[in-house]
Amino acid sequence: MNARVGFMFAGQGAQFPGMGSDLPARSKAAAELFDRADAQLGWSLSELCFEGAAEALTASANCQPAIFTMSLACVAAFRERTGVSPAVCGGLSLGELSALAAAEAYDFESGLALVARRGQLMDAACAASQGAMAAVIGGEPAVIEGICREVGIDVANYNCPGQIVISGLAEKVDEAVARLADAGPRTVVRLNVAGAFHSRLMQPAADAFAPVLADTAIAAPVCPVVQNVVGAVVADPATIRQNLAGQVTGSVQWEACVRAMLDAGVQALIEFGPGKVLSGFMRRIDRKFPVCNIQGAEDLDAAESLLQSL
């Protein structure tokens, strides 16, 4: 198959109990990846994914390596079946690290070590503050940004047209939510998260993550990769490393990332990993563009059918 396909990768919060459990029986490549993850970490990540409770999967130290591994296991199963390589890669937040692994900027073990440490550091930052996040549906970005500045919180995500996520100290997020309600018609949904991701409250994690990144070998990706903090393709390893450090506290420019992937001339986008959040965002960006999700063995048939239709 010669289709030009973009690979998208899920972020934290998409995890669910039992994720990936049907992949090893259907794909030798996926089974081997879970085995490599268990060996690398020294504990059974595969058991956490396949049998772990939702509460155990929620902690960043657990869910980040779990989502990373499960997402790349989906890629391994897909490529084993179709032979299709990515024309461009991108991922939301944590998913950016999965995207870089898929684009061979580092090997699986190096990426997993990086993700596991990132999760631990972000858990520690969450425990040190009372953070919260909320999704704002509708409203003018400039109004939302202005209220965030005035109350002292941050815009965490620009996900798609009409959806922005705000993040910061819980009491200040509450104040912003109240002010947004007074500023005009919109819907605000508080998110069930452990802390204020992509905000200034994650600065201790960002500071501690920088030397970890410095010690990780990063090569130029074999295909274009879009990065969250710039919403554009980045190829230089030093810049990739810098952007990964900045992403911990910086805003995720996901809509811009998707548009950059489309500009790369892809015929379809496939979301790898748990959930269908990115596929949903894509439909808000361009409802007619071909997109599908692979989060289990049953999705491989649909993805292959999509490729054959291109």
Protein backbone atom coordinates (compact mmCIF):
# COMPACT_ATOMS: atom_id res chain seq x y z
CA MET A 1 0.00 0.00 0.00
CA ASN A 2 1.36 3.41 -1.01
CA ALA A 3 -1.10 5.66 0.80
CA ARG A 4 0.28 8.75 2.54
CA VAL A 5 -1.03 8.43 6.08
CA GLY A 6 -0.46 10.61 9.12
CA PHE A 7 -0.09 8.92 12.51
CA MET A 8 -1.69 10.63 15.56
CA PHE A 9 -1.12 9.57 19.15
CA ALA A 10 -3.36 9.76 22.20
CA GLY A 11 -2.56 11.79 25.29
CA GLN A 12 -3.01 11.25 29.00
CA GLY A 13 -6.60 10.75 30.10
CA ALA A 14 -7.49 8.40 27.24
CA GLN A 15 -6.50 5.27 29.20
CA PHE A 16 -9.06 2.61 30.14
CA PRO A 17 -8.89 -0.78 31.93
CA GLY A 18 -8.11 -3.65 29.59
CA MET A 19 -6.59 -1.47 26.90
CA GLY A 20 -4.55 -3.42 24.37
CA SER A 21 -5.46 -6.80 25.87
CA ASP A 22 -6.59 -8.25 22.53
CA LEU A 23 -3.49 -7.19 20.59
CA PRO A 24 -0.93 -9.86 21.59
CA ALA A 25 -3.12 -12.73 20.37
CA ARG A 26 -3.52 -11.04 16.97
CA SER A 27 -0.06 -9.57 16.49
CA LYS A 28 3.37 -11.02 17.24
CA ALA A 29 4.89 -7.54 16.87
CA ALA A 30 2.52 -6.07 19.47
CA ALA A 31 3.13 -8.96 21.87
CA GLU A 32 6.89 -8.45 21.59
CA LEU A 33 6.53 -4.75 22.35
CA PHE A 34 4.63 -5.40 25.58
CA ASP A 35 7.30 -7.95 26.56
CA ARG A 36 10.02 -5.38 25.92
CA ALA A 37 8.18 -2.84 28.07
CA ASP A 38 7.92 -5.29 30.98
CA ALA A 39 11.63 -6.09 30.70
CA GLN A 40 12.63 -2.42 30.46
CA LEU A 41 10.59 -1.27 33.46
CA GLY A 42 11.18 -4.29 35.68
CA TRP A 43 7.47 -4.62 36.43
CA SER A 44 4.49 -5.88 34.47
CA LEU A 45 3.16 -2.94 32.52
CA SER A 46 1.27 -5.43 30.34
CA GLU A 47 -0.63 -6.66 33.40
CA LEU A 48 -1.45 -3.05 34.35
CA CYS A 49 -2.84 -2.40 30.86
CA PHE A 50 -4.72 -5.68 30.50
CA GLU A 51 -5.98 -6.23 34.07
CA GLY A 52 -5.32 -3.07 36.10
CA ALA A 53 -8.08 -1.07 37.74
CA ALA A 54 -8.99 2.39 36.51
CA GLU A 55 -7.56 3.98 39.66
CA ALA A 56 -4.18 2.32 39.13
CA LEU A 57 -4.10 3.54 35.53
CA THR A 58 -4.89 7.13 36.46
CA ALA A 59 -1.58 8.11 38.10
CA SER A 60 0.77 9.79 35.61
CA ALA A 61 3.62 7.47 36.61
CA ASN A 62 1.50 4.52 35.45
CA CYS A 63 -0.69 5.83 32.65
CA GLN A 64 2.04 7.63 30.71
CA PRO A 65 4.22 4.53 30.07
CA ALA A 66 1.04 2.46 29.64
CA ILE A 67 -0.41 4.73 26.95
CA PHE A 68 2.99 5.08 25.25
CA THR A 69 3.43 1.31 25.06
CA MET A 70 -0.14 0.51 24.11
CA SER A 71 -0.13 3.16 21.36
CA LEU A 72 3.08 1.85 19.83
CA ALA A 73 1.79 -1.72 20.11
CA CYS A 74 -1.15 -0.59 17.96
CA VAL A 75 1.34 0.84 15.46
CA ALA A 76 3.33 -2.40 15.49
CA ALA A 77 0.20 -4.45 14.76
CA PHE A 78 -0.89 -2.06 12.01
CA ARG A 79 2.50 -1.99 10.30
CA GLU A 80 2.90 -5.75 10.63
CA ARG A 81 -0.39 -6.14 8.78
CA THR A 82 -0.17 -3.34 6.19
CA GLY A 83 3.49 -2.41 5.84
CA VAL A 84 2.47 1.27 5.85
CA SER A 85 4.94 3.77 7.31
CA PRO A 86 3.91 7.22 8.55
CA ALA A 87 4.17 10.19 6.21
CA VAL A 88 3.99 12.53 9.22
CA CYS A 89 3.51 12.01 12.97
CA GLY A 90 2.01 14.03 15.78
CA GLY A 91 0.62 13.47 19.24
CA LEU A 92 -1.24 15.40 21.90
CA SER A 93 0.92 16.11 24.97
CA LEU A 94 2.23 12.68 26.05
CA GLY A 95 1.35 11.49 22.54
CA GLU A 96 4.12 13.67 21.13
CA LEU A 97 6.66 11.34 22.71
CA SER A 98 4.89 8.38 21.09
CA ALA A 99 4.99 10.22 17.76
CA LEU A 100 8.74 10.74 18.05
CA ALA A 101 9.24 7.04 18.74
CA ALA A 102 7.13 6.13 15.70
CA ALA A 103 9.30 8.51 13.65
CA GLU A 104 12.45 6.80 15.02
CA ALA A 105 13.86 9.86 16.78
CA TYR A 106 14.73 7.38 19.55
CA ASP A 107 14.23 3.66 20.07
CA PHE A 108 11.35 2.19 22.05
CA GLU A 109 13.35 1.54 25.23
CA SER A 110 14.79 5.06 25.31
CA GLY A 111 11.36 6.55 24.75
CA LEU A 112 9.78 4.39 27.44
CA ALA A 113 12.44 5.41 29.98
CA LEU A 114 11.83 9.06 29.08
CA VAL A 115 8.06 8.73 29.41
CA ALA A 116 8.25 6.81 32.69
CA ARG A 117 10.40 9.53 34.25
CA ARG A 118 8.15 12.27 32.85
CA GLY A 119 5.15 10.62 34.50
CA GLN A 120 6.88 10.37 37.85
CA LEU A 121 7.93 14.03 37.78
CA MET A 122 4.47 15.21 36.80
CA ASP A 123 2.91 13.15 39.61
CA ALA A 124 5.23 14.86 42.07
CA ALA A 125 4.31 18.29 40.71
CA CYS A 126 0.61 17.44 41.01
CA ALA A 127 1.06 16.37 44.63
CA ALA A 128 2.79 19.66 45.46
CA SER A 129 -0.14 21.86 44.39
CA GLN A 130 -3.93 21.91 44.22
CA GLY A 131 -4.36 22.16 40.48
CA ALA A 132 -7.39 21.85 38.22
CA MET A 133 -8.32 22.02 34.54
CA ALA A 134 -11.49 22.88 32.64
CA ALA A 135 -12.54 22.64 29.01
CA VAL A 136 -14.21 25.74 27.60
CA ILE A 137 -16.58 24.97 24.74
CA GLY A 138 -17.35 28.03 22.64
CA GLY A 139 -16.34 31.61 23.22
CA GLU A 140 -13.67 33.84 21.71
CA PRO A 141 -10.08 32.72 22.34
CA ALA A 142 -9.00 36.29 23.09
CA VAL A 143 -11.64 36.60 25.82
CA ILE A 144 -10.63 33.27 27.38
CA GLU A 145 -6.94 34.18 27.22
CA GLY A 146 -7.61 37.56 28.81
CA ILE A 147 -9.51 36.09 31.74
CA CYS A 148 -6.74 33.51 32.27
CA ARG A 149 -4.13 36.28 32.42
CA GLU A 150 -6.20 38.33 34.84
CA VAL A 151 -6.77 35.49 37.32
CA GLY A 152 -3.27 34.01 36.97
CA ILE A 153 -3.84 30.70 35.21
CA ASP A 154 -2.85 29.34 31.80
CA VAL A 155 -4.33 28.07 28.56
CA ALA A 156 -3.31 24.41 28.45
CA ASN A 157 -4.74 23.31 25.09
CA TYR A 158 -6.08 24.72 21.86
CA ASN A 159 -7.68 21.45 20.80
CA CYS A 160 -9.97 22.31 17.89
CA PRO A 161 -12.31 25.09 16.78
CA GLY A 162 -14.48 25.94 19.78
CA GLN A 163 -12.54 24.03 22.45
CA ILE A 164 -9.87 25.48 24.72
CA VAL A 165 -8.64 23.96 27.99
CA ILE A 166 -7.57 26.14 30.93
CA SER A 167 -5.30 25.07 33.78
CA GLY A 168 -3.95 26.33 37.11
CA LEU A 169 -4.60 26.52 40.84
CA ALA A 170 -8.05 25.10 41.56
CA GLU A 171 -9.35 28.24 43.27
CA LYS A 172 -8.20 30.39 40.35
CA VAL A 173 -9.73 28.00 37.80
CA ASP A 174 -12.99 28.34 39.76
CA GLU A 175 -12.70 32.11 39.50
CA ALA A 176 -12.04 31.91 35.76
CA VAL A 177 -15.02 29.59 35.29
CA ALA A 178 -17.29 32.06 37.08
CA ARG A 179 -15.99 34.97 35.03
CA LEU A 180 -16.38 33.02 31.79
CA ALA A 181 -20.00 32.31 32.70
CA ASP A 182 -20.58 36.06 33.07
CA ALA A 183 -18.74 36.89 29.83
CA GLY A 184 -21.19 35.22 27.47
CA PRO A 185 -22.78 31.94 26.36
CA ARG A 186 -20.40 29.00 26.53
CA THR A 187 -20.09 25.63 28.26
CA VAL A 188 -17.34 24.94 30.78
CA VAL A 189 -16.59 21.35 31.79
CA ARG A 190 -14.26 20.66 34.70
CA LEU A 191 -11.89 17.82 33.87
CA ASN A 192 -11.23 14.82 36.11
CA VAL A 193 -7.45 15.16 36.28
CA ALA A 194 -4.80 14.84 38.97
CA GLY A 195 -3.41 18.34 38.54
CA ALA A 196 -2.87 21.40 36.38
CA PHE A 197 -1.06 20.01 33.37
CA HIS A 198 0.47 22.41 30.83
CA SER A 199 0.51 25.25 33.33
CA ARG A 200 3.03 27.11 35.45
CA LEU A 201 2.34 24.63 38.28
CA MET A 202 4.25 22.00 36.27
CA GLN A 203 7.46 24.07 36.34
CA PRO A 204 9.17 21.81 38.92
CA ALA A 205 8.53 18.84 36.63
CA ALA A 206 9.82 20.76 33.61
CA ASP A 207 12.99 21.76 35.47
CA ALA A 208 13.68 18.18 36.53
CA PHE A 209 12.79 16.76 33.11
CA ALA A 210 15.28 18.95 31.22
CA PRO A 211 18.40 17.04 32.36
CA VAL A 212 16.65 13.74 31.60
CA LEU A 213 16.09 14.96 28.06
CA ALA A 214 19.70 16.14 27.87
CA ASP A 215 20.85 12.60 28.64
CA THR A 216 18.55 11.02 26.03
CA ALA A 217 19.89 10.50 22.51
CA ILE A 218 17.50 12.09 19.99
CA ALA A 219 18.05 11.72 16.25
CA ALA A 220 16.45 13.54 13.34
CA PRO A 221 13.07 11.84 12.70
CA VAL A 222 12.74 9.72 9.56
CA CYS A 223 9.47 11.49 8.73
CA PRO A 224 8.11 14.93 9.67
CA VAL A 225 6.95 15.32 13.28
CA VAL A 226 4.77 18.19 14.52
CA GLN A 227 5.41 19.51 18.01
CA ASN A 228 2.79 20.87 20.38
CA VAL A 229 4.35 24.10 21.60
CA VAL A 230 4.98 25.44 18.08
CA GLY A 231 2.20 23.72 16.15
CA ALA A 232 4.59 22.99 13.30
CA VAL A 233 7.01 20.41 11.92
CA VAL A 234 10.37 20.26 13.71
CA ALA A 235 13.33 18.20 12.48
CA ASP A 236 16.36 19.46 14.41
CA PRO A 237 17.11 17.18 17.41
CA ALA A 238 18.21 20.06 19.66
CA THR A 239 14.99 21.95 18.94
CA ILE A 240 12.92 18.80 19.48
CA ARG A 241 14.54 18.39 22.90
CA GLN A 242 13.91 22.04 23.78
CA ASN A 243 10.26 21.80 22.74
CA LEU A 244 9.72 18.61 24.74
CA ALA A 245 10.98 20.43 27.85
CA GLY A 246 8.78 23.46 27.14
CA GLN A 247 5.73 21.32 26.48
CA VAL A 248 5.40 20.32 30.15
CA THR A 249 4.31 23.86 31.06
CA GLY A 250 3.44 25.24 27.62
CA SER A 251 0.19 25.35 25.69
CA VAL A 252 -0.62 22.44 23.37
CA GLN A 253 -1.33 23.91 19.93
CA TRP A 254 -3.18 20.80 18.74
CA GLU A 255 -5.36 22.39 16.08
CA ALA A 256 -2.25 23.93 14.51
CA CYS A 257 -0.50 20.54 14.71
CA VAL A 258 -3.34 18.88 12.80
CA ARG A 259 -3.34 21.56 10.13
CA ALA A 260 0.44 21.11 9.74
CA MET A 261 -0.10 17.37 9.28
CA LEU A 262 -2.70 18.05 6.61
CA ASP A 263 -0.28 20.43 4.91
CA ALA A 264 2.15 17.51 4.63
CA GLY A 265 -0.15 16.07 1.96
CA VAL A 266 -1.59 13.08 3.79
CA GLN A 267 -4.63 11.25 2.45
CA ALA A 268 -5.86 10.06 5.85
CA LEU A 269 -5.08 10.29 9.57
CA ILE A 270 -5.00 7.29 11.89
CA GLU A 271 -5.16 7.74 15.66
CA PHE A 272 -3.21 5.12 17.60
CA GLY A 273 -3.85 4.36 21.26
CA PRO A 274 -6.75 4.40 23.69
CA GLY A 275 -9.86 6.46 23.05
CA LYS A 276 -11.05 8.45 20.06
CA VAL A 277 -10.45 11.97 21.32
CA LEU A 278 -8.16 13.04 18.48
CA SER A 279 -10.47 11.58 15.85
CA GLY A 280 -13.25 13.68 17.38
CA PHE A 281 -11.11 16.82 17.26
CA MET A 282 -10.30 16.07 13.62
CA ARG A 283 -13.97 15.99 12.74
CA ARG A 284 -14.33 19.46 14.29
CA ILE A 285 -11.40 20.67 12.16
CA ASP A 286 -12.45 18.97 8.88
CA ARG A 287 -15.50 16.73 9.07
CA LYS A 288 -14.94 15.20 5.64
CA PHE A 289 -11.27 14.24 6.02
CA PRO A 290 -10.69 10.45 6.34
CA VAL A 291 -9.78 9.49 9.90
CA CYS A 292 -9.98 6.38 12.05
CA ASN A 293 -8.73 5.06 15.38
CA ILE A 294 -6.84 1.89 16.26
CA GLN A 295 -7.17 0.99 19.93
CA GLY A 296 -7.53 -2.77 19.58
CA ALA A 297 -7.29 -5.71 17.23
CA GLU A 298 -10.86 -5.25 15.98
CA ASP A 299 -9.93 -1.83 14.58
CA LEU A 300 -7.27 -3.19 12.23
CA ASP A 301 -9.89 -4.32 9.71
CA ALA A 302 -11.46 -0.87 9.56
CA ALA A 303 -8.07 0.80 9.15
CA GLU A 304 -7.14 -1.54 6.33
CA SER A 305 -10.48 -0.84 4.62
CA LEU A 306 -9.80 2.88 4.92
CA LEU A 307 -6.43 2.46 3.22
CA GLN A 308 -7.96 0.46 0.40
CA SER A 309 -10.51 3.23 -0.20
CA LEU A 310 -7.88 5.92 -0.72
